[in-house]
Amino acid sequence: MQLSISNIAWKKERDEEIYRFMQENGFTGLEIAPTRIFPELPYDHLKEAEIWSKRLKKEYGFSISSMQSIWFGKTQALFGTDEEREALLNYTKQAIDFAAAVECGNLVFGCPKNRVVPDGQTMDWADEIAARFFKELADYAAHKGTVLALEANPAIYNTNYINDTASALRMIEKVNSRGFLFNLDVGTIIQNGETLEQLSESVSKINHVHISEPGIEALTSRELHGDLLRLLKGKGYQKFISIEMKTQERVENIKNAMRYMREVFEQI
């Protein structure tokens, strides 16, 4: 397993300071929101993104562990019109191209507000639409050497679709593609009162892990973190464990979270 942190936790002017602290604490992965790197039309900057990621690797030794907020600014809906869905399909393929350019092996599919099932429609109806949508993207991601990773989002994030871990794992089984795996979110487990037992037979489906709190608040010390890492290690998980927090005004919150996760990591 490897340690990572998402760059949504701090503002751009703190990048160099946080990068140095990551190095000092054994973090080898940087998770990115593409608009944090290229604020306007990020997926139109493939060559610049490739150069940026290579510089990051050369100067700091970091890999791009994951991409999140891949639909930032998009208002179209997964369960909207055919035209909306087609636009989102094409935009997500551009995100996958971006991931390939920066050698990123994980794109988080959260996008809670874009995946609301409209009133009057059933979950079976939504599942059929979503499965076709995800299958096309999964095949494209696999062809590009990366993975679209489905994340369960509880209702607190203003969605009514795939609110829990079990629902996400069922969709992953339905799509059945190496290009479509699971983004495990600890904040979801906490918010829903879920247990780790449900993961014991599904670790092979996990492509990335978010260590987070409900509402992506500042990280809190929990026994759950050590229990989860031991479970993952015991099942042979070798990918990234990534801290996810919303933007913190106090940089010490970020550094404390990294120190804490390093300690948990070292104890397993």
Protein backbone atom coordinates (compact mmCIF):
# COMPACT_ATOMS: atom_id res chain seq x y z
CA MET A 1 0.00 0.00 0.00
CA GLN A 2 1.04 3.57 -0.63
CA LEU A 3 0.08 6.87 0.99
CA SER A 4 -1.59 9.70 -0.92
CA ILE A 5 -3.48 12.93 -0.26
CA SER A 6 -5.92 14.92 -2.39
CA ASN A 7 -4.97 18.46 -3.37
CA ILE A 8 -8.49 19.74 -2.71
CA ALA A 9 -7.39 20.04 0.96
CA TRP A 10 -5.27 23.17 0.35
CA LYS A 11 -5.04 26.19 -1.91
CA LYS A 12 -2.66 26.40 -4.84
CA GLU A 13 -0.27 28.81 -3.11
CA ARG A 14 0.51 26.10 -0.55
CA ASP A 15 1.46 23.46 -3.12
CA GLU A 16 5.23 23.55 -2.65
CA GLU A 17 4.98 23.59 1.15
CA ILE A 18 2.64 20.59 1.18
CA TYR A 19 4.69 18.72 -1.41
CA ARG A 20 7.79 19.00 0.78
CA PHE A 21 5.83 17.81 3.82
CA MET A 22 4.49 14.88 1.82
CA GLN A 23 8.04 13.87 0.93
CA GLU A 24 9.14 14.08 4.55
CA ASN A 25 6.29 11.80 5.63
CA GLY A 26 6.49 9.08 3.03
CA PHE A 27 3.58 10.13 0.79
CA THR A 28 4.22 9.04 -2.79
CA GLY A 29 0.82 9.79 -4.35
CA LEU A 30 -0.91 13.06 -5.17
CA GLU A 31 -4.62 12.88 -5.89
CA ILE A 32 -5.80 15.78 -8.02
CA ALA A 33 -8.89 17.69 -9.00
CA PRO A 34 -7.98 18.57 -12.62
CA THR A 35 -9.37 22.10 -12.27
CA ARG A 36 -6.90 22.70 -9.42
CA ILE A 37 -4.12 22.29 -11.98
CA PHE A 38 -5.81 23.80 -15.04
CA PRO A 39 -8.79 25.92 -13.90
CA GLU A 40 -10.29 26.35 -17.36
CA LEU A 41 -11.09 23.40 -19.65
CA PRO A 42 -8.57 21.08 -17.98
CA TYR A 43 -8.99 18.27 -20.50
CA ASP A 44 -7.87 20.54 -23.33
CA HIS A 45 -4.37 20.62 -21.81
CA LEU A 46 -3.10 17.07 -22.31
CA LYS A 47 0.46 17.97 -23.32
CA GLU A 48 0.82 20.52 -20.52
CA ALA A 49 -0.59 17.97 -18.08
CA GLU A 50 1.93 15.37 -19.20
CA ILE A 51 4.80 17.84 -18.73
CA TRP A 52 3.44 18.89 -15.31
CA SER A 53 3.16 15.30 -14.07
CA LYS A 54 6.66 14.43 -15.24
CA ARG A 55 8.06 17.46 -13.42
CA LEU A 56 6.20 16.41 -10.28
CA LYS A 57 7.70 12.93 -10.54
CA LYS A 58 11.20 14.25 -11.18
CA GLU A 59 11.20 16.91 -8.44
CA TYR A 60 9.22 15.12 -5.73
CA GLY A 61 8.92 11.47 -6.70
CA PHE A 62 5.11 11.63 -6.76
CA SER A 63 2.73 9.65 -8.92
CA ILE A 64 -0.76 10.94 -9.72
CA SER A 65 -2.66 8.46 -7.57
CA SER A 66 -6.16 9.47 -8.62
CA MET A 67 -8.37 12.13 -10.19
CA GLN A 68 -11.55 13.40 -8.54
CA SER A 69 -14.14 16.11 -9.23
CA ILE A 70 -13.96 14.95 -12.84
CA TRP A 71 -17.31 16.58 -13.70
CA PHE A 72 -16.67 19.82 -11.82
CA GLY A 73 -18.84 22.58 -13.28
CA LYS A 74 -21.00 20.21 -15.33
CA THR A 75 -24.76 20.59 -14.96
CA GLN A 76 -25.92 17.76 -17.22
CA ALA A 77 -27.51 14.74 -15.54
CA LEU A 78 -26.73 11.05 -15.92
CA PHE A 79 -30.47 10.36 -15.79
CA GLY A 80 -31.44 13.36 -17.90
CA THR A 81 -31.94 13.45 -21.66
CA ASP A 82 -30.06 11.30 -24.16
CA GLU A 83 -28.23 14.46 -25.24
CA GLU A 84 -27.11 15.18 -21.69
CA ARG A 85 -25.87 11.63 -21.26
CA GLU A 86 -23.98 11.75 -24.56
CA ALA A 87 -22.30 15.01 -23.53
CA LEU A 88 -21.25 13.50 -20.20
CA LEU A 89 -20.02 10.35 -21.92
CA ASN A 90 -17.78 12.35 -24.25
CA TYR A 91 -16.57 14.61 -21.45
CA THR A 92 -15.67 11.60 -19.29
CA LYS A 93 -13.70 10.11 -22.17
CA GLN A 94 -11.74 13.36 -22.25
CA ALA A 95 -11.09 12.95 -18.52
CA ILE A 96 -9.84 9.42 -19.19
CA ASP A 97 -7.51 10.78 -21.88
CA PHE A 98 -6.21 13.27 -19.31
CA ALA A 99 -5.64 10.44 -16.81
CA ALA A 100 -3.71 8.49 -19.43
CA ALA A 101 -1.56 11.55 -20.17
CA VAL A 102 -0.52 11.90 -16.50
CA GLU A 103 -0.27 8.11 -15.98
CA CYS A 104 -3.07 8.12 -13.42
CA GLY A 105 -4.67 4.74 -12.73
CA ASN A 106 -7.88 5.93 -11.05
CA LEU A 107 -10.71 8.32 -11.86
CA VAL A 108 -13.21 8.69 -9.03
CA PHE A 109 -16.81 8.65 -10.21
CA GLY A 110 -18.64 10.45 -7.44
CA CYS A 111 -20.51 13.34 -9.08
CA PRO A 112 -23.45 13.05 -6.65
CA LYS A 113 -25.54 15.97 -7.89
CA ASN A 114 -25.31 14.73 -11.48
CA ARG A 115 -26.63 11.27 -10.65
CA VAL A 116 -29.98 11.97 -9.00
CA VAL A 117 -32.77 9.61 -10.08
CA PRO A 118 -35.79 11.76 -11.04
CA ASP A 119 -39.07 11.47 -9.18
CA GLY A 120 -41.31 8.82 -10.68
CA GLN A 121 -38.48 6.61 -11.94
CA THR A 122 -37.39 3.32 -10.39
CA MET A 123 -33.94 2.22 -9.32
CA ASP A 124 -34.14 -0.67 -11.80
CA TRP A 125 -34.67 1.88 -14.58
CA ALA A 126 -31.68 3.89 -13.33
CA ASP A 127 -29.50 0.79 -13.03
CA GLU A 128 -30.07 -0.16 -16.66
CA ILE A 129 -29.13 3.31 -17.89
CA ALA A 130 -26.12 3.56 -15.56
CA ALA A 131 -24.81 0.10 -16.45
CA ARG A 132 -24.80 0.88 -20.19
CA PHE A 133 -23.17 4.26 -19.53
CA PHE A 134 -20.49 2.81 -17.25
CA LYS A 135 -19.79 -0.16 -19.55
CA GLU A 136 -18.85 2.08 -22.46
CA LEU A 137 -16.62 4.19 -20.22
CA ALA A 138 -15.13 1.11 -18.56
CA ASP A 139 -14.08 -0.33 -21.90
CA TYR A 140 -12.59 3.01 -22.92
CA ALA A 141 -10.72 3.35 -19.62
CA ALA A 142 -9.35 -0.19 -19.88
CA HIS A 143 -8.15 0.53 -23.42
CA LYS A 144 -6.36 3.62 -22.09
CA GLY A 145 -4.75 1.70 -19.21
CA THR A 146 -6.75 3.26 -16.40
CA VAL A 147 -9.88 2.68 -14.29
CA LEU A 148 -13.13 4.52 -13.66
CA ALA A 149 -13.83 3.88 -9.97
CA LEU A 150 -17.39 4.11 -8.66
CA GLU A 151 -17.80 5.78 -5.28
CA ALA A 152 -20.87 5.38 -3.08
CA ASN A 153 -22.18 8.79 -1.98
CA PRO A 154 -24.58 9.01 1.00
CA ALA A 155 -27.67 11.20 0.84
CA ILE A 156 -25.83 14.02 2.66
CA TYR A 157 -24.18 14.76 -0.70
CA ASN A 158 -27.58 15.42 -2.30
CA THR A 159 -28.02 12.27 -4.33
CA ASN A 160 -30.41 9.33 -4.13
CA TYR A 161 -28.44 6.88 -6.26
CA ILE A 162 -25.82 4.39 -5.03
CA ASN A 163 -25.81 5.74 -1.49
CA ASP A 164 -23.99 2.81 0.14
CA THR A 165 -21.08 0.45 -0.39
CA ALA A 166 -23.25 -2.58 -1.18
CA SER A 167 -25.04 -0.72 -3.98
CA ALA A 168 -21.74 0.33 -5.54
CA LEU A 169 -20.37 -3.21 -5.43
CA ARG A 170 -23.53 -4.55 -7.09
CA MET A 171 -23.14 -2.10 -9.98
CA ILE A 172 -19.48 -3.06 -10.37
CA GLU A 173 -20.51 -6.72 -10.61
CA LYS A 174 -23.18 -5.81 -13.16
CA VAL A 175 -20.79 -3.90 -15.42
CA ASN A 176 -18.10 -6.58 -14.99
CA SER A 177 -15.10 -4.80 -16.50
CA ARG A 178 -11.47 -4.38 -15.46
CA GLY A 179 -11.94 -0.71 -16.36
CA PHE A 180 -14.68 -0.21 -13.76
CA LEU A 181 -13.83 -0.85 -10.11
CA PHE A 182 -14.61 0.48 -6.63
CA ASN A 183 -13.48 3.68 -4.95
CA LEU A 184 -13.84 2.89 -1.24
CA ASP A 185 -14.86 5.94 0.78
CA VAL A 186 -14.43 5.72 4.56
CA GLY A 187 -16.69 8.74 5.06
CA THR A 188 -19.50 6.75 3.46
CA ILE A 189 -18.88 3.82 5.81
CA ILE A 190 -19.00 6.17 8.81
CA GLN A 191 -22.06 8.11 7.68
CA ASN A 192 -24.05 4.95 6.93
CA GLY A 193 -22.90 3.01 9.98
CA GLU A 194 -21.54 0.27 7.73
CA THR A 195 -19.13 -2.44 8.84
CA LEU A 196 -15.89 -3.61 7.28
CA GLU A 197 -17.11 -7.21 7.06
CA GLN A 198 -18.92 -6.45 3.80
CA LEU A 199 -15.54 -5.73 2.20
CA SER A 200 -13.83 -8.98 3.13
CA GLU A 201 -14.74 -10.71 -0.14
CA SER A 202 -14.57 -7.59 -2.31
CA VAL A 203 -11.06 -6.20 -1.81
CA SER A 204 -10.10 -7.32 -5.31
CA LYS A 205 -12.68 -4.83 -6.62
CA ILE A 206 -11.13 -1.87 -4.74
CA ASN A 207 -8.95 0.35 -6.92
CA HIS A 208 -8.50 3.32 -4.57
CA VAL A 209 -9.32 4.26 -0.96
CA HIS A 210 -10.42 7.62 0.43
CA ILE A 211 -9.69 8.15 4.12
CA SER A 212 -12.35 10.75 4.80
CA GLU A 213 -15.01 12.00 7.17
CA PRO A 214 -18.67 12.61 6.34
CA GLY A 215 -18.88 15.96 4.57
CA ILE A 216 -15.12 15.62 3.85
CA GLU A 217 -14.39 17.47 7.08
CA ALA A 218 -10.93 17.48 8.71
CA LEU A 219 -9.73 13.97 9.51
CA THR A 220 -10.53 12.46 12.91
CA SER A 221 -8.55 9.72 14.64
CA ARG A 222 -10.53 6.45 14.52
CA GLU A 223 -9.83 2.79 15.29
CA LEU A 224 -11.60 2.11 12.01
CA HIS A 225 -8.58 3.34 10.07
CA GLY A 226 -6.20 0.78 11.51
CA ASP A 227 -8.81 -1.98 11.19
CA LEU A 228 -9.35 -1.12 7.53
CA LEU A 229 -5.66 -1.00 6.67
CA ARG A 230 -5.09 -4.36 8.35
CA LEU A 231 -7.97 -5.86 6.38
CA LEU A 232 -6.64 -4.45 3.12
CA LYS A 233 -3.09 -5.57 3.83
CA GLY A 234 -4.29 -9.05 4.74
CA LYS A 235 -6.13 -9.32 1.42
CA GLY A 236 -3.12 -8.16 -0.60
CA TYR A 237 -4.24 -4.63 -1.46
CA GLN A 238 -1.22 -2.74 -2.83
CA LYS A 239 -2.69 0.48 -4.20
CA PHE A 240 -3.17 3.94 -2.70
CA ILE A 241 -4.69 5.02 0.60
CA SER A 242 -5.57 8.69 0.08
CA ILE A 243 -6.56 11.38 2.59
CA GLU A 244 -9.54 13.38 1.36
CA MET A 245 -10.60 16.60 3.11
CA LYS A 246 -12.26 19.77 1.89
CA THR A 247 -10.11 22.90 1.72
CA GLN A 248 -8.60 23.64 5.12
CA GLU A 249 -7.87 27.19 6.25
CA ARG A 250 -5.36 25.88 8.80
CA VAL A 251 -2.42 24.13 7.16
CA GLU A 252 -1.77 22.31 10.46
CA ASN A 253 -4.98 20.35 9.94
CA ILE A 254 -3.48 18.95 6.75
CA LYS A 255 -0.10 18.21 8.28
CA ASN A 256 -1.68 16.60 11.34
CA ALA A 257 -3.76 14.35 9.09
CA MET A 258 -0.66 13.25 7.20
CA ARG A 259 1.29 12.61 10.40
CA TYR A 260 -1.61 10.60 11.76
CA MET A 261 -2.02 8.44 8.65
CA ARG A 262 1.71 7.81 8.48
CA GLU A 263 1.59 6.56 12.09
CA VAL A 264 -1.41 4.30 11.40
CA PHE A 265 0.31 3.02 8.26
CA GLU A 266 3.53 2.23 10.13
CA GLN A 267 1.70 0.31 12.86
CA ILE A 268 0.01 -2.28 10.65
